[in-house]
Amino acid sequence: MTLQVAFDMFMGEAVPARHCHNFGEVAVQAWNGVSPSGLDQSAVERIQGIIAAYPYQEPTSL
């Protein structure tokens, strides 16, 4: 089971956004939805902008 989880984490970026381990633009909204205090929309957009600014890396093949 541990090997499967590790493999999924490495290969998870090769799938479309919102599937498997590639949460794309929905990660901040999801965490905001379950956080007790919540964030206002401008904070969510600011965090999403920071995440979007990270360079994309192609998944590596094993």
C-alpha atoms as a PDB file:
ATOM      1  CA  MET A   1       0.000   0.000   0.000  1.00  0.00           C
ATOM      2  CA  THR A   2       2.806   2.425   0.856  1.00  0.00           C
ATOM      3  CA  LEU A   3       4.408   1.870  -2.540  1.00  0.00           C
ATOM      4  CA  GLN A   4       1.098   2.651  -4.272  1.00  0.00           C
ATOM      5  CA  VAL A   5       0.731   5.919  -2.340  1.00  0.00           C
ATOM      6  CA  ALA A   6       4.284   6.951  -3.175  1.00  0.00           C
ATOM      7  CA  PHE A   7       3.766   6.119  -6.848  1.00  0.00           C
ATOM      8  CA  ASP A   8       0.473   8.058  -6.927  1.00  0.00           C
ATOM      9  CA  MET A   9       2.159  11.111  -5.463  1.00  0.00           C
ATOM     10  CA  PHE A  10       4.885  11.074  -8.123  1.00  0.00           C
ATOM     11  CA  MET A  11       2.567  10.438 -11.040  1.00  0.00           C
ATOM     12  CA  GLY A  12      -0.404  12.455  -9.823  1.00  0.00           C
ATOM     13  CA  GLU A  13       0.483  15.582 -11.788  1.00  0.00           C
ATOM     14  CA  ALA A  14       0.035  13.805 -15.125  1.00  0.00           C
ATOM     15  CA  VAL A  15      -3.755  13.822 -14.807  1.00  0.00           C
ATOM     16  CA  PRO A  16      -6.192  16.653 -15.556  1.00  0.00           C
ATOM     17  CA  ALA A  17      -6.847  19.256 -12.859  1.00  0.00           C
ATOM     18  CA  ARG A  18      -9.314  18.246 -10.141  1.00  0.00           C
ATOM     19  CA  HIS A  19      -8.476  14.534 -10.489  1.00  0.00           C
ATOM     20  CA  CYS A  20      -6.208  12.234  -8.482  1.00  0.00           C
ATOM     21  CA  HIS A  21      -3.513  14.306  -6.710  1.00  0.00           C
ATOM     22  CA  ASN A  22      -3.662  17.257  -9.120  1.00  0.00           C
ATOM     23  CA  PHE A  23      -6.026  19.685  -7.438  1.00  0.00           C
ATOM     24  CA  GLY A  24      -5.002  22.696  -9.502  1.00  0.00           C
ATOM     25  CA  GLU A  25      -6.976  25.838  -8.792  1.00  0.00           C
ATOM     26  CA  VAL A  26      -9.463  24.180  -6.432  1.00  0.00           C
ATOM     27  CA  ALA A  27      -7.066  23.480  -3.532  1.00  0.00           C
ATOM     28  CA  VAL A  28      -7.376  26.898  -1.918  1.00  0.00           C
ATOM     29  CA  GLN A  29     -11.159  26.915  -2.270  1.00  0.00           C
ATOM     30  CA  ALA A  30     -11.372  23.432  -0.760  1.00  0.00           C
ATOM     31  CA  TRP A  31      -9.232  24.329   2.259  1.00  0.00           C
ATOM     32  CA  ASN A  32     -11.181  27.541   2.679  1.00  0.00           C
ATOM     33  CA  GLY A  33     -14.418  25.558   2.680  1.00  0.00           C
ATOM     34  CA  VAL A  34     -13.352  23.399   5.622  1.00  0.00           C
ATOM     35  CA  SER A  35     -11.442  25.992   7.649  1.00  0.00           C
ATOM     36  CA  PRO A  36     -13.284  27.243  10.728  1.00  0.00           C
ATOM     37  CA  SER A  37     -12.714  30.953  10.136  1.00  0.00           C
ATOM     38  CA  GLY A  38     -12.774  31.078   6.326  1.00  0.00           C
ATOM     39  CA  LEU A  39     -11.119  33.649   4.088  1.00  0.00           C
ATOM     40  CA  ASP A  40     -12.615  36.518   2.166  1.00  0.00           C
ATOM     41  CA  GLN A  41     -12.600  36.320  -1.637  1.00  0.00           C
ATOM     42  CA  SER A  42      -9.658  38.720  -2.026  1.00  0.00           C
ATOM     43  CA  ALA A  43      -7.497  36.530   0.238  1.00  0.00           C
ATOM     44  CA  VAL A  44      -8.456  33.414  -1.740  1.00  0.00           C
ATOM     45  CA  GLU A  45      -7.574  35.142  -5.021  1.00  0.00           C
ATOM     46  CA  ARG A  46      -4.262  36.391  -3.609  1.00  0.00           C
ATOM     47  CA  ILE A  47      -3.262  32.888  -2.474  1.00  0.00           C
ATOM     48  CA  GLN A  48      -4.338  31.368  -5.799  1.00  0.00           C
ATOM     49  CA  GLY A  49      -2.181  33.955  -7.580  1.00  0.00           C
ATOM     50  CA  ILE A  50       0.843  32.962  -5.522  1.00  0.00           C
ATOM     51  CA  ILE A  51       0.285  29.282  -6.301  1.00  0.00           C
ATOM     52  CA  ALA A  52      -0.270  30.003 -10.003  1.00  0.00           C
ATOM     53  CA  ALA A  53       3.061  31.874 -10.119  1.00  0.00           C
ATOM     54  CA  TYR A  54       5.015  28.713  -9.310  1.00  0.00           C
ATOM     55  CA  PRO A  55       6.668  27.307 -12.428  1.00  0.00           C
ATOM     56  CA  TYR A  56       5.097  24.191 -13.916  1.00  0.00           C
ATOM     57  CA  GLN A  57       7.253  21.079 -13.808  1.00  0.00           C
ATOM     58  CA  GLU A  58       6.640  18.181 -16.145  1.00  0.00           C
ATOM     59  CA  PRO A  59       6.214  14.930 -14.281  1.00  0.00           C
ATOM     60  CA  THR A  60       9.237  12.663 -14.411  1.00  0.00           C
ATOM     61  CA  SER A  61       8.923   9.124 -15.662  1.00  0.00           C
ATOM     62  CA  LEU A  62      10.147   6.252 -13.580  1.00  0.00           C
END
